[in-house]
Amino acid sequence: MTTETTSTTNRLSTEARRPAVAVLVVIFTVVDGALQVLLIERSAPPEEGQWAIPGGALQHGESLEQAAVRKLAEETGVTDLFLEQLYTFGDLDPASEDGSVGVAWFALVDPSRVRLAQRTAWRPAWWNLDDVPPLAFDNEEVLNVARTRLINKLQYTDAAYSLLPAQFTMRELQEVYEAILGRPLDKRNFRRRLLATDFISATSEMRTEGRHRPARLYQFASRS
């Protein structure tokens, strides 16, 4: 066998063993003071009937970000929100003979903007993070990494902008932070800390809630 033939054979063998690449999108929202994640009920093998993080194969000619945006639009109907690459996981699908690579992203969405896909197969549903069922393909690992990243992002970014409407009260903002962190926060300290950043600014608008006195409305300095 010639050197050229050997080289061609090795190249073809390597290509044949090339692992499948999938893109996963962990989609978080906050509803009624609880952090929730969007999951899909699988309607075909493997892991049929199990719940999993939304995802799919990378399409020909598609970048990783384009795939993540596509999947986000398919499941929620929106794309102009916080979306960030999270981590690359190996061998999440043990049934794959050639191995698998999952490139995970995470997104934050305002529930008032979401329109979940209406379908009976591959059914989407929101789950409270405290009640998530056993997930297919070791997706628990992906979810844990995403939640840890989200908590860290709150410390130094305005990532929470995608979870709220354009204008909001300080109470609504605090509820979002408490839902993500999983613990109550002191009202005065929270207000003082957030106003000391350049993340939010007060508007001239007020909102009356029940019998309480009107509350000042705030907005994020940037929503990008």
N, C-alpha and C. Protein backbone atom coordinates (compact mmCIF):
# COMPACT_ATOMS: atom_id res chain seq x y z
N MET A 1 0.85 -1.19 0.00
CA MET A 1 0.00 0.00 0.00
C MET A 1 0.88 1.23 0.00
N THR A 2 0.57 2.17 -0.90
CA THR A 2 1.38 3.37 -0.99
C THR A 2 1.10 4.30 0.17
N THR A 3 2.05 5.26 0.34
CA THR A 3 1.87 6.26 1.40
C THR A 3 0.61 7.07 1.17
N GLU A 4 0.32 7.39 -0.11
CA GLU A 4 -0.87 8.19 -0.43
C GLU A 4 -2.14 7.42 -0.10
N THR A 5 -2.14 6.11 -0.41
CA THR A 5 -3.30 5.28 -0.11
C THR A 5 -3.53 5.18 1.38
N THR A 6 -2.43 4.98 2.14
CA THR A 6 -2.53 4.89 3.60
C THR A 6 -3.08 6.18 4.19
N SER A 7 -2.61 7.32 3.66
CA SER A 7 -3.06 8.61 4.16
C SER A 7 -4.55 8.79 3.90
N THR A 8 -4.98 8.39 2.70
CA THR A 8 -6.40 8.53 2.36
C THR A 8 -7.27 7.64 3.24
N THR A 9 -6.79 6.40 3.47
CA THR A 9 -7.53 5.46 4.31
C THR A 9 -7.67 5.99 5.73
N ASN A 10 -6.58 6.53 6.28
CA ASN A 10 -6.62 7.08 7.64
C ASN A 10 -7.57 8.27 7.72
N ARG A 11 -7.55 9.10 6.67
CA ARG A 11 -8.42 10.27 6.68
C ARG A 11 -9.88 9.85 6.66
N LEU A 12 -10.21 8.90 5.80
CA LEU A 12 -11.59 8.43 5.73
C LEU A 12 -12.03 7.77 7.02
N SER A 13 -11.08 7.03 7.64
CA SER A 13 -11.40 6.37 8.90
C SER A 13 -11.69 7.39 9.98
N THR A 14 -10.88 8.47 10.00
CA THR A 14 -11.09 9.52 11.00
C THR A 14 -12.41 10.22 10.78
N GLU A 15 -12.76 10.50 9.51
CA GLU A 15 -14.02 11.14 9.22
C GLU A 15 -15.19 10.26 9.61
N ALA A 16 -15.05 8.96 9.42
CA ALA A 16 -16.13 8.04 9.76
C ALA A 16 -16.39 8.03 11.26
N ARG A 17 -15.33 8.31 12.04
CA ARG A 17 -15.48 8.28 13.50
C ARG A 17 -15.77 9.67 14.08
N ARG A 18 -16.01 10.63 13.22
CA ARG A 18 -16.24 11.99 13.68
C ARG A 18 -17.51 12.03 14.53
N PRO A 19 -17.45 12.53 15.76
CA PRO A 19 -18.63 12.53 16.63
C PRO A 19 -19.71 13.49 16.15
N ALA A 20 -20.95 13.17 16.47
CA ALA A 20 -22.06 14.04 16.14
C ALA A 20 -22.01 15.29 17.02
N VAL A 21 -22.39 16.42 16.45
CA VAL A 21 -22.41 17.69 17.19
C VAL A 21 -23.85 18.15 17.35
N ALA A 22 -24.24 18.38 18.58
CA ALA A 22 -25.58 18.88 18.88
C ALA A 22 -25.47 20.21 19.62
N VAL A 23 -26.48 21.02 19.47
CA VAL A 23 -26.54 22.29 20.19
C VAL A 23 -27.70 22.22 21.18
N LEU A 24 -27.41 22.52 22.44
CA LEU A 24 -28.42 22.54 23.50
C LEU A 24 -28.63 23.97 23.97
N VAL A 25 -29.88 24.31 24.30
CA VAL A 25 -30.16 25.65 24.81
C VAL A 25 -30.95 25.54 26.12
N VAL A 26 -30.30 25.91 27.21
CA VAL A 26 -30.96 25.94 28.52
C VAL A 26 -31.70 27.28 28.61
N ILE A 27 -33.03 27.23 28.68
CA ILE A 27 -33.86 28.44 28.64
C ILE A 27 -34.49 28.64 30.01
N PHE A 28 -34.10 29.72 30.68
CA PHE A 28 -34.60 30.04 32.01
C PHE A 28 -35.63 31.16 31.93
N THR A 29 -36.58 31.13 32.87
CA THR A 29 -37.48 32.24 33.10
C THR A 29 -37.82 32.28 34.58
N VAL A 30 -38.51 33.33 35.02
CA VAL A 30 -38.96 33.43 36.40
C VAL A 30 -40.47 33.66 36.37
N VAL A 31 -41.22 32.77 37.04
CA VAL A 31 -42.67 32.87 37.10
C VAL A 31 -43.11 32.72 38.55
N ASP A 32 -43.89 33.68 39.03
CA ASP A 32 -44.40 33.63 40.41
C ASP A 32 -43.28 33.43 41.42
N GLY A 33 -42.18 34.12 41.19
CA GLY A 33 -41.07 34.08 42.14
C GLY A 33 -40.24 32.81 42.11
N ALA A 34 -40.42 31.98 41.08
CA ALA A 34 -39.68 30.72 40.99
C ALA A 34 -38.89 30.67 39.68
N LEU A 35 -37.65 30.21 39.76
CA LEU A 35 -36.83 30.02 38.57
C LEU A 35 -37.27 28.75 37.87
N GLN A 36 -37.58 28.87 36.58
CA GLN A 36 -38.06 27.73 35.81
C GLN A 36 -37.18 27.52 34.58
N VAL A 37 -37.22 26.28 34.09
CA VAL A 37 -36.44 25.92 32.90
C VAL A 37 -37.36 25.21 31.92
N LEU A 38 -37.13 25.45 30.64
CA LEU A 38 -37.93 24.81 29.61
C LEU A 38 -37.35 23.44 29.27
N LEU A 39 -38.21 22.42 29.30
CA LEU A 39 -37.80 21.05 28.96
C LEU A 39 -38.71 20.50 27.87
N ILE A 40 -38.18 19.52 27.15
CA ILE A 40 -38.91 18.88 26.06
C ILE A 40 -39.10 17.40 26.39
N GLU A 41 -40.34 16.91 26.24
CA GLU A 41 -40.62 15.48 26.44
C GLU A 41 -40.30 14.74 25.14
N ARG A 42 -39.33 13.84 25.20
CA ARG A 42 -38.89 13.15 23.99
C ARG A 42 -39.96 12.17 23.50
N SER A 43 -40.16 12.18 22.18
CA SER A 43 -41.20 11.36 21.57
C SER A 43 -40.64 10.24 20.69
N ALA A 44 -39.33 9.98 20.79
CA ALA A 44 -38.72 8.91 19.99
C ALA A 44 -37.48 8.41 20.72
N PRO A 45 -37.07 7.18 20.42
CA PRO A 45 -35.82 6.67 21.01
C PRO A 45 -34.64 7.47 20.51
N PRO A 46 -33.52 7.49 21.22
CA PRO A 46 -33.38 6.91 22.56
C PRO A 46 -34.00 7.81 23.63
N GLU A 47 -34.18 7.24 24.82
CA GLU A 47 -34.74 7.97 25.97
C GLU A 47 -36.16 8.48 25.70
N GLU A 48 -36.94 7.72 24.93
CA GLU A 48 -38.32 8.13 24.65
C GLU A 48 -39.11 8.27 25.94
N GLY A 49 -39.89 9.33 26.04
CA GLY A 49 -40.70 9.58 27.24
C GLY A 49 -39.98 10.35 28.33
N GLN A 50 -38.66 10.49 28.20
CA GLN A 50 -37.89 11.27 29.16
C GLN A 50 -37.90 12.75 28.78
N TRP A 51 -37.65 13.58 29.78
CA TRP A 51 -37.55 15.02 29.54
C TRP A 51 -36.09 15.39 29.31
N ALA A 52 -35.89 16.42 28.48
CA ALA A 52 -34.53 16.82 28.12
C ALA A 52 -34.49 18.31 27.82
N ILE A 53 -33.29 18.86 27.85
CA ILE A 53 -33.07 20.25 27.47
C ILE A 53 -33.28 20.38 25.96
N PRO A 54 -33.92 21.44 25.47
CA PRO A 54 -34.11 21.61 24.03
C PRO A 54 -32.78 21.58 23.29
N GLY A 55 -32.78 20.90 22.17
CA GLY A 55 -31.55 20.81 21.40
C GLY A 55 -31.77 20.08 20.09
N GLY A 56 -30.71 20.02 19.31
CA GLY A 56 -30.80 19.33 18.04
C GLY A 56 -29.46 19.34 17.34
N ALA A 57 -29.39 18.62 16.24
CA ALA A 57 -28.15 18.50 15.49
C ALA A 57 -27.81 19.81 14.79
N LEU A 58 -26.54 20.05 14.68
CA LEU A 58 -26.05 21.21 13.94
C LEU A 58 -26.30 20.97 12.46
N GLN A 59 -26.97 21.90 11.80
CA GLN A 59 -27.31 21.73 10.39
C GLN A 59 -26.14 22.15 9.49
N HIS A 60 -26.16 21.62 8.27
CA HIS A 60 -25.07 21.90 7.32
C HIS A 60 -24.95 23.40 7.06
N GLY A 61 -23.74 23.92 7.17
CA GLY A 61 -23.49 25.32 6.89
C GLY A 61 -23.92 26.26 8.01
N GLU A 62 -24.34 25.74 9.13
CA GLU A 62 -24.85 26.54 10.24
C GLU A 62 -23.79 26.72 11.30
N SER A 63 -23.63 27.93 11.82
CA SER A 63 -22.70 28.16 12.92
C SER A 63 -23.37 27.72 14.22
N LEU A 64 -22.57 27.58 15.27
CA LEU A 64 -23.13 27.19 16.56
C LEU A 64 -24.13 28.22 17.07
N GLU A 65 -23.79 29.50 16.92
CA GLU A 65 -24.70 30.54 17.38
C GLU A 65 -25.99 30.55 16.57
N GLN A 66 -25.89 30.37 15.28
CA GLN A 66 -27.09 30.32 14.44
C GLN A 66 -27.99 29.16 14.86
N ALA A 67 -27.40 28.04 15.19
CA ALA A 67 -28.18 26.89 15.64
C ALA A 67 -28.87 27.18 16.95
N ALA A 68 -28.17 27.85 17.88
CA ALA A 68 -28.77 28.19 19.17
C ALA A 68 -29.93 29.17 19.00
N VAL A 69 -29.75 30.17 18.14
CA VAL A 69 -30.81 31.16 17.88
C VAL A 69 -32.01 30.47 17.23
N ARG A 70 -31.74 29.57 16.29
CA ARG A 70 -32.83 28.84 15.64
C ARG A 70 -33.64 28.02 16.64
N LYS A 71 -32.94 27.29 17.49
CA LYS A 71 -33.63 26.47 18.48
C LYS A 71 -34.42 27.33 19.46
N LEU A 72 -33.86 28.45 19.86
CA LEU A 72 -34.54 29.36 20.76
C LEU A 72 -35.83 29.88 20.13
N ALA A 73 -35.76 30.27 18.86
CA ALA A 73 -36.94 30.76 18.15
C ALA A 73 -38.00 29.67 18.00
N GLU A 74 -37.56 28.45 17.71
CA GLU A 74 -38.51 27.34 17.54
C GLU A 74 -39.30 27.08 18.82
N GLU A 75 -38.64 27.20 19.96
CA GLU A 75 -39.27 26.82 21.23
C GLU A 75 -40.01 27.97 21.92
N THR A 76 -39.56 29.21 21.71
CA THR A 76 -40.14 30.33 22.47
C THR A 76 -40.74 31.42 21.59
N GLY A 77 -40.36 31.47 20.32
CA GLY A 77 -40.86 32.51 19.45
C GLY A 77 -40.11 33.82 19.54
N VAL A 78 -39.05 33.89 20.34
CA VAL A 78 -38.28 35.13 20.48
C VAL A 78 -36.78 34.84 20.33
N THR A 79 -36.03 35.86 19.94
CA THR A 79 -34.58 35.72 19.78
C THR A 79 -33.80 36.89 20.36
N ASP A 80 -34.44 38.07 20.46
CA ASP A 80 -33.71 39.26 20.90
C ASP A 80 -33.66 39.33 22.43
N LEU A 81 -32.84 38.46 23.00
CA LEU A 81 -32.74 38.38 24.45
C LEU A 81 -31.35 37.88 24.83
N PHE A 82 -31.13 37.71 26.12
CA PHE A 82 -29.81 37.28 26.60
C PHE A 82 -29.56 35.83 26.17
N LEU A 83 -28.48 35.62 25.42
CA LEU A 83 -28.09 34.29 24.96
C LEU A 83 -26.58 34.22 24.99
N GLU A 84 -26.05 33.20 25.66
CA GLU A 84 -24.59 33.10 25.81
C GLU A 84 -24.16 31.65 25.73
N GLN A 85 -23.02 31.41 25.08
CA GLN A 85 -22.48 30.06 25.04
C GLN A 85 -22.02 29.65 26.43
N LEU A 86 -22.37 28.44 26.81
CA LEU A 86 -22.14 27.98 28.17
C LEU A 86 -20.92 27.08 28.29
N TYR A 87 -20.92 25.95 27.59
CA TYR A 87 -19.88 24.95 27.80
C TYR A 87 -20.02 23.89 26.71
N THR A 88 -18.94 23.16 26.48
CA THR A 88 -18.97 22.04 25.54
C THR A 88 -18.84 20.74 26.31
N PHE A 89 -19.83 19.88 26.14
CA PHE A 89 -19.88 18.61 26.87
C PHE A 89 -19.59 17.46 25.91
N GLY A 90 -18.89 16.44 26.39
CA GLY A 90 -18.59 15.27 25.59
C GLY A 90 -19.36 14.06 26.05
N ASP A 91 -19.79 13.23 25.09
CA ASP A 91 -20.43 11.94 25.38
C ASP A 91 -21.68 12.06 26.24
N LEU A 92 -22.55 13.03 25.94
CA LEU A 92 -23.83 13.10 26.62
C LEU A 92 -24.78 12.01 26.11
N ASP A 93 -24.49 11.48 24.93
CA ASP A 93 -25.32 10.41 24.36
C ASP A 93 -24.51 9.12 24.32
N PRO A 94 -24.64 8.28 25.34
CA PRO A 94 -23.86 7.04 25.39
C PRO A 94 -24.21 6.05 24.28
N ALA A 95 -25.36 6.25 23.63
CA ALA A 95 -25.77 5.33 22.57
C ALA A 95 -25.07 5.62 21.25
N SER A 96 -24.40 6.76 21.14
CA SER A 96 -23.72 7.12 19.91
C SER A 96 -22.43 6.32 19.77
N GLU A 97 -22.31 5.57 18.68
CA GLU A 97 -21.14 4.72 18.48
C GLU A 97 -19.87 5.55 18.25
N ASP A 98 -20.01 6.71 17.64
CA ASP A 98 -18.84 7.54 17.32
C ASP A 98 -18.62 8.65 18.33
N GLY A 99 -19.39 8.62 19.43
CA GLY A 99 -19.27 9.68 20.42
C GLY A 99 -20.14 10.87 20.06
N SER A 100 -20.31 11.77 20.98
CA SER A 100 -21.14 12.94 20.73
C SER A 100 -20.56 14.15 21.44
N VAL A 101 -20.82 15.30 20.87
CA VAL A 101 -20.40 16.57 21.46
C VAL A 101 -21.63 17.47 21.57
N GLY A 102 -21.88 17.97 22.76
CA GLY A 102 -23.00 18.88 22.95
C GLY A 102 -22.49 20.25 23.31
N VAL A 103 -22.75 21.24 22.46
CA VAL A 103 -22.37 22.62 22.74
C VAL A 103 -23.57 23.31 23.34
N ALA A 104 -23.48 23.66 24.62
CA ALA A 104 -24.62 24.20 25.35
C ALA A 104 -24.57 25.72 25.40
N TRP A 105 -25.74 26.32 25.29
CA TRP A 105 -25.95 27.75 25.46
C TRP A 105 -26.98 27.94 26.56
N PHE A 106 -27.09 29.14 27.10
CA PHE A 106 -28.21 29.41 27.99
C PHE A 106 -28.80 30.76 27.68
N ALA A 107 -30.14 30.84 27.88
CA ALA A 107 -30.89 32.03 27.53
C ALA A 107 -31.83 32.39 28.67
N LEU A 108 -32.15 33.69 28.76
CA LEU A 108 -33.08 34.20 29.77
C LEU A 108 -34.22 34.88 29.05
N VAL A 109 -35.47 34.53 29.41
CA VAL A 109 -36.62 35.08 28.70
C VAL A 109 -37.67 35.62 29.67
N ASP A 110 -38.31 36.71 29.27
CA ASP A 110 -39.45 37.27 29.98
C ASP A 110 -40.66 36.40 29.63
N PRO A 111 -41.32 35.78 30.62
CA PRO A 111 -42.42 34.86 30.31
C PRO A 111 -43.56 35.51 29.54
N SER A 112 -43.75 36.82 29.66
CA SER A 112 -44.84 37.49 28.95
C SER A 112 -44.60 37.54 27.45
N ARG A 113 -43.36 37.33 27.02
CA ARG A 113 -43.03 37.37 25.59
C ARG A 113 -43.01 35.99 24.95
N VAL A 114 -43.01 34.96 25.75
CA VAL A 114 -42.82 33.60 25.23
C VAL A 114 -44.12 33.03 24.67
N ARG A 115 -44.01 32.37 23.55
CA ARG A 115 -45.11 31.61 22.97
C ARG A 115 -44.59 30.20 22.70
N LEU A 116 -44.83 29.31 23.65
CA LEU A 116 -44.32 27.96 23.50
C LEU A 116 -44.95 27.27 22.30
N ALA A 117 -44.15 26.45 21.64
CA ALA A 117 -44.65 25.69 20.49
C ALA A 117 -45.82 24.81 20.91
N GLN A 118 -46.89 24.84 20.13
CA GLN A 118 -48.08 24.04 20.43
C GLN A 118 -48.00 22.73 19.65
N ARG A 119 -47.58 21.69 20.32
CA ARG A 119 -47.47 20.39 19.67
C ARG A 119 -47.63 19.29 20.71
N THR A 120 -48.10 18.15 20.29
CA THR A 120 -48.28 17.03 21.21
C THR A 120 -47.03 16.14 21.23
N ALA A 121 -46.34 16.02 20.09
CA ALA A 121 -45.07 15.30 20.06
C ALA A 121 -43.95 16.27 20.40
N TRP A 122 -42.96 15.79 21.12
CA TRP A 122 -41.85 16.64 21.56
C TRP A 122 -42.41 17.86 22.31
N ARG A 123 -43.28 17.56 23.26
CA ARG A 123 -44.03 18.59 23.99
C ARG A 123 -43.12 19.43 24.89
N PRO A 124 -43.20 20.77 24.80
CA PRO A 124 -42.42 21.63 25.69
C PRO A 124 -43.22 21.98 26.94
N ALA A 125 -42.54 22.20 28.04
CA ALA A 125 -43.20 22.62 29.28
C ALA A 125 -42.18 23.27 30.21
N TRP A 126 -42.66 24.22 31.00
CA TRP A 126 -41.82 24.84 32.02
C TRP A 126 -41.80 23.98 33.27
N TRP A 127 -40.64 23.88 33.90
CA TRP A 127 -40.49 23.13 35.14
C TRP A 127 -39.76 24.00 36.16
N ASN A 128 -40.29 24.03 37.40
CA ASN A 128 -39.54 24.65 38.48
C ASN A 128 -38.24 23.88 38.69
N LEU A 129 -37.16 24.60 38.92
CA LEU A 129 -35.87 23.91 39.06
C LEU A 129 -35.85 22.95 40.24
N ASP A 130 -36.66 23.19 41.25
CA ASP A 130 -36.70 22.29 42.40
C ASP A 130 -37.49 21.02 42.12
N ASP A 131 -38.22 20.97 41.01
CA ASP A 131 -39.07 19.83 40.70
C ASP A 131 -38.71 19.15 39.39
N VAL A 132 -37.52 19.42 38.87
CA VAL A 132 -37.13 18.84 37.58
C VAL A 132 -37.04 17.31 37.69
N PRO A 133 -37.64 16.58 36.74
CA PRO A 133 -37.58 15.11 36.78
C PRO A 133 -36.21 14.62 36.33
N PRO A 134 -35.93 13.32 36.45
CA PRO A 134 -34.70 12.77 35.88
C PRO A 134 -34.65 13.07 34.39
N LEU A 135 -33.50 13.55 33.91
CA LEU A 135 -33.39 14.01 32.53
C LEU A 135 -32.62 13.02 31.65
N ALA A 136 -32.94 13.04 30.38
CA ALA A 136 -32.24 12.19 29.41
C ALA A 136 -30.83 12.70 29.17
N PHE A 137 -29.96 11.80 28.76
CA PHE A 137 -28.60 12.14 28.30
C PHE A 137 -27.77 12.92 29.33
N ASP A 138 -27.94 12.61 30.59
CA ASP A 138 -27.16 13.30 31.63
C ASP A 138 -27.33 14.82 31.56
N ASN A 139 -28.52 15.26 31.17
CA ASN A 139 -28.76 16.70 31.04
C ASN A 139 -28.74 17.42 32.39
N GLU A 140 -28.82 16.66 33.48
CA GLU A 140 -28.70 17.30 34.80
C GLU A 140 -27.37 18.05 34.93
N GLU A 141 -26.32 17.47 34.37
CA GLU A 141 -25.01 18.11 34.43
C GLU A 141 -25.03 19.45 33.70
N VAL A 142 -25.66 19.48 32.54
CA VAL A 142 -25.76 20.72 31.76
C VAL A 142 -26.56 21.76 32.55
N LEU A 143 -27.67 21.33 33.15
CA LEU A 143 -28.52 22.24 33.89
C LEU A 143 -27.80 22.82 35.10
N ASN A 144 -27.04 22.00 35.80
CA ASN A 144 -26.29 22.48 36.97
C ASN A 144 -25.24 23.52 36.58
N VAL A 145 -24.55 23.27 35.49
CA VAL A 145 -23.54 24.23 35.02
C VAL A 145 -24.21 25.55 34.63
N ALA A 146 -25.37 25.45 33.98
CA ALA A 146 -26.08 26.66 33.54
C ALA A 146 -26.56 27.48 34.73
N ARG A 147 -27.09 26.83 35.74
CA ARG A 147 -27.57 27.58 36.90
C ARG A 147 -26.41 28.26 37.62
N THR A 148 -25.30 27.56 37.76
CA THR A 148 -24.14 28.16 38.41
C THR A 148 -23.64 29.37 37.63
N ARG A 149 -23.61 29.26 36.30
CA ARG A 149 -23.18 30.38 35.48
C ARG A 149 -24.14 31.57 35.64
N LEU A 150 -25.43 31.28 35.68
CA LEU A 150 -26.43 32.35 35.82
C LEU A 150 -26.25 33.08 37.15
N ILE A 151 -26.05 32.35 38.22
CA ILE A 151 -25.84 32.98 39.53
C ILE A 151 -24.61 33.87 39.50
N ASN A 152 -23.56 33.39 38.90
CA ASN A 152 -22.33 34.19 38.80
C ASN A 152 -22.53 35.43 37.94
N LYS A 153 -23.32 35.31 36.87
CA LYS A 153 -23.53 36.45 35.99
C LYS A 153 -24.23 37.61 36.71
N LEU A 154 -25.08 37.27 37.66
CA LEU A 154 -25.80 38.32 38.38
C LEU A 154 -24.87 39.22 39.18
N GLN A 155 -23.71 38.71 39.53
CA GLN A 155 -22.81 39.46 40.39
C GLN A 155 -22.14 40.62 39.66
N TYR A 156 -22.02 40.54 38.33
CA TYR A 156 -21.25 41.57 37.64
C TYR A 156 -21.83 42.00 36.29
N THR A 157 -23.03 41.54 35.92
CA THR A 157 -23.64 41.94 34.65
C THR A 157 -25.10 42.31 34.86
N ASP A 158 -25.70 42.83 33.80
CA ASP A 158 -27.14 43.15 33.82
C ASP A 158 -27.95 42.06 33.12
N ALA A 159 -27.51 40.81 33.22
CA ALA A 159 -28.14 39.70 32.50
C ALA A 159 -29.63 39.58 32.79
N ALA A 160 -30.09 40.06 33.95
CA ALA A 160 -31.49 39.92 34.34
C ALA A 160 -32.43 40.72 33.46
N TYR A 161 -31.90 41.57 32.57
CA TYR A 161 -32.78 42.41 31.75
C TYR A 161 -33.75 41.58 30.91
N SER A 162 -33.34 40.39 30.48
CA SER A 162 -34.20 39.57 29.62
C SER A 162 -35.34 38.91 30.38
N LEU A 163 -35.31 38.96 31.70
CA LEU A 163 -36.34 38.32 32.51
C LEU A 163 -37.45 39.28 32.92
N LEU A 164 -37.32 40.55 32.54
CA LEU A 164 -38.25 41.58 32.98
C LEU A 164 -38.76 42.39 31.81
N PRO A 165 -39.93 43.04 31.97
CA PRO A 165 -40.41 43.95 30.92
C PRO A 165 -39.54 45.19 30.86
N ALA A 166 -39.83 46.07 29.92
CA ALA A 166 -39.00 47.26 29.72
C ALA A 166 -38.94 48.13 30.98
N GLN A 167 -40.04 48.22 31.72
CA GLN A 167 -40.09 48.97 32.97
C GLN A 167 -40.60 48.06 34.08
N PHE A 168 -40.06 48.22 35.25
CA PHE A 168 -40.36 47.30 36.35
C PHE A 168 -40.16 48.02 37.68
N THR A 169 -40.75 47.46 38.72
CA THR A 169 -40.55 48.01 40.06
C THR A 169 -39.32 47.36 40.69
N MET A 170 -38.82 48.00 41.74
CA MET A 170 -37.69 47.42 42.45
C MET A 170 -38.07 46.08 43.08
N ARG A 171 -39.31 45.97 43.51
CA ARG A 171 -39.77 44.69 44.08
C ARG A 171 -39.71 43.58 43.05
N GLU A 172 -40.14 43.86 41.82
CA GLU A 172 -40.11 42.84 40.77
C GLU A 172 -38.68 42.43 40.45
N LEU A 173 -37.77 43.40 40.43
CA LEU A 173 -36.37 43.08 40.17
C LEU A 173 -35.80 42.22 41.29
N GLN A 174 -36.12 42.54 42.53
CA GLN A 174 -35.62 41.76 43.66
C GLN A 174 -36.17 40.33 43.62
N GLU A 175 -37.42 40.17 43.21
CA GLU A 175 -37.99 38.82 43.12
C GLU A 175 -37.24 37.97 42.11
N VAL A 176 -36.81 38.58 41.01
CA VAL A 176 -36.04 37.85 40.01
C VAL A 176 -34.70 37.39 40.60
N TYR A 177 -34.02 38.30 41.28
CA TYR A 177 -32.74 37.95 41.90
C TYR A 177 -32.92 36.86 42.95
N GLU A 178 -33.94 36.96 43.76
CA GLU A 178 -34.17 35.95 44.81
C GLU A 178 -34.49 34.59 44.19
N ALA A 179 -35.25 34.58 43.10
CA ALA A 179 -35.58 33.32 42.44
C ALA A 179 -34.33 32.63 41.91
N ILE A 180 -33.42 33.40 41.35
CA ILE A 180 -32.20 32.83 40.79
C ILE A 180 -31.24 32.38 41.88
N LEU A 181 -31.07 33.21 42.90
CA LEU A 181 -30.14 32.89 43.98
C LEU A 181 -30.69 31.85 44.94
N GLY A 182 -32.01 31.71 44.98
CA GLY A 182 -32.62 30.72 45.85
C GLY A 182 -32.65 31.11 47.31
N ARG A 183 -32.66 32.40 47.59
CA ARG A 183 -32.69 32.87 48.99
C ARG A 183 -33.23 34.30 49.04
N PRO A 184 -33.81 34.68 50.18
CA PRO A 184 -34.32 36.05 50.30
C PRO A 184 -33.18 37.06 50.45
N LEU A 185 -33.43 38.29 50.01
CA LEU A 185 -32.44 39.36 50.10
C LEU A 185 -33.00 40.52 50.92
N ASP A 186 -32.14 41.18 51.65
CA ASP A 186 -32.56 42.34 52.41
C ASP A 186 -32.97 43.46 51.45
N LYS A 187 -34.16 43.99 51.65
CA LYS A 187 -34.72 44.97 50.72
C LYS A 187 -33.85 46.22 50.60
N ARG A 188 -33.43 46.78 51.72
CA ARG A 188 -32.65 48.02 51.69
C ARG A 188 -31.27 47.79 51.07
N ASN A 189 -30.61 46.72 51.46
CA ASN A 189 -29.29 46.44 50.90
C ASN A 189 -29.35 46.17 49.40
N PHE A 190 -30.38 45.44 48.99
CA PHE A 190 -30.53 45.14 47.56
C PHE A 190 -30.73 46.43 46.77
N ARG A 191 -31.63 47.27 47.25
CA ARG A 191 -31.91 48.52 46.55
C ARG A 191 -30.66 49.38 46.45
N ARG A 192 -29.93 49.50 47.56
CA ARG A 192 -28.73 50.34 47.59
C ARG A 192 -27.66 49.80 46.65
N ARG A 193 -27.50 48.48 46.64
CA ARG A 193 -26.46 47.88 45.80
C ARG A 193 -26.78 48.05 44.32
N LEU A 194 -28.03 47.82 43.93
CA LEU A 194 -28.39 47.93 42.51
C LEU A 194 -28.33 49.37 42.02
N LEU A 195 -28.75 50.31 42.85
CA LEU A 195 -28.72 51.71 42.43
C LEU A 195 -27.29 52.24 42.35
N ALA A 196 -26.37 51.57 43.04
CA ALA A 196 -24.96 51.98 42.98
C ALA A 196 -24.28 51.52 41.70
N THR A 197 -24.91 50.61 40.97
CA THR A 197 -24.36 50.16 39.69
C THR A 197 -24.88 51.05 38.57
N ASP A 198 -24.40 50.80 37.38
CA ASP A 198 -24.93 51.52 36.22
C ASP A 198 -25.86 50.62 35.40
N PHE A 199 -26.37 49.56 36.04
CA PHE A 199 -27.24 48.63 35.34
C PHE A 199 -28.64 49.21 35.12
N ILE A 200 -29.18 49.90 36.13
CA ILE A 200 -30.56 50.38 36.05
C ILE A 200 -30.62 51.87 36.35
N SER A 201 -31.73 52.47 35.95
CA SER A 201 -31.96 53.89 36.25
C SER A 201 -33.45 54.09 36.50
N ALA A 202 -33.77 55.07 37.34
CA ALA A 202 -35.16 55.38 37.64
C ALA A 202 -35.80 56.12 36.47
N THR A 203 -37.07 55.85 36.23
CA THR A 203 -37.84 56.59 35.24
C THR A 203 -38.72 57.60 35.97
N SER A 204 -39.46 58.39 35.22
CA SER A 204 -40.40 59.34 35.82
C SER A 204 -41.77 58.71 36.04
N GLU A 205 -41.90 57.44 35.67
CA GLU A 205 -43.18 56.75 35.75
C GLU A 205 -43.37 56.09 37.11
N MET A 206 -44.66 55.99 37.51
CA MET A 206 -45.03 55.32 38.76
C MET A 206 -46.09 54.28 38.43
N ARG A 207 -46.21 53.27 39.32
CA ARG A 207 -47.25 52.25 39.16
C ARG A 207 -47.92 52.01 40.50
N THR A 208 -49.24 51.99 40.49
CA THR A 208 -49.99 51.70 41.71
C THR A 208 -50.31 50.21 41.75
N GLU A 209 -49.98 49.56 42.87
CA GLU A 209 -50.22 48.13 43.03
C GLU A 209 -51.11 47.91 44.25
N GLY A 210 -52.37 47.58 43.99
CA GLY A 210 -53.30 47.35 45.09
C GLY A 210 -53.49 48.60 45.94
N ARG A 211 -53.42 48.41 47.26
CA ARG A 211 -53.60 49.53 48.20
C ARG A 211 -52.28 50.19 48.58
N HIS A 212 -51.19 49.67 48.03
CA HIS A 212 -49.90 50.25 48.35
C HIS A 212 -49.72 51.58 47.64
N ARG A 213 -48.83 52.38 48.17
CA ARG A 213 -48.55 53.66 47.53
C ARG A 213 -47.86 53.40 46.19
N PRO A 214 -47.96 54.33 45.25
CA PRO A 214 -47.36 54.13 43.92
C PRO A 214 -45.87 53.81 44.03
N ALA A 215 -45.43 52.89 43.20
CA ALA A 215 -44.02 52.47 43.20
C ALA A 215 -43.31 53.04 41.98
N ARG A 216 -42.09 53.47 42.18
CA ARG A 216 -41.27 54.00 41.10
C ARG A 216 -40.94 52.88 40.10
N LEU A 217 -40.97 53.21 38.84
CA LEU A 217 -40.58 52.25 37.80
C LEU A 217 -39.13 52.51 37.38
N TYR A 218 -38.43 51.43 37.11
CA TYR A 218 -37.03 51.49 36.70
C TYR A 218 -36.87 50.84 35.34
N GLN A 219 -35.72 51.04 34.74
CA GLN A 219 -35.41 50.42 33.47
C GLN A 219 -33.91 50.10 33.42
N PHE A 220 -33.56 49.12 32.60
CA PHE A 220 -32.14 48.79 32.44
C PHE A 220 -31.51 49.81 31.49
N ALA A 221 -30.29 50.20 31.81
CA ALA A 221 -29.57 51.15 30.97
C ALA A 221 -29.34 50.58 29.59
N SER A 222 -29.19 49.26 29.53
CA SER A 222 -28.99 48.59 28.25
C SER A 222 -29.77 47.30 28.25
N ARG A 223 -30.34 46.95 27.10
CA ARG A 223 -31.06 45.68 26.96
C ARG A 223 -30.44 44.92 25.79
N SER A 224 -29.15 44.65 25.92
CA SER A 224 -28.46 43.92 24.86
C SER A 224 -27.37 43.09 25.49
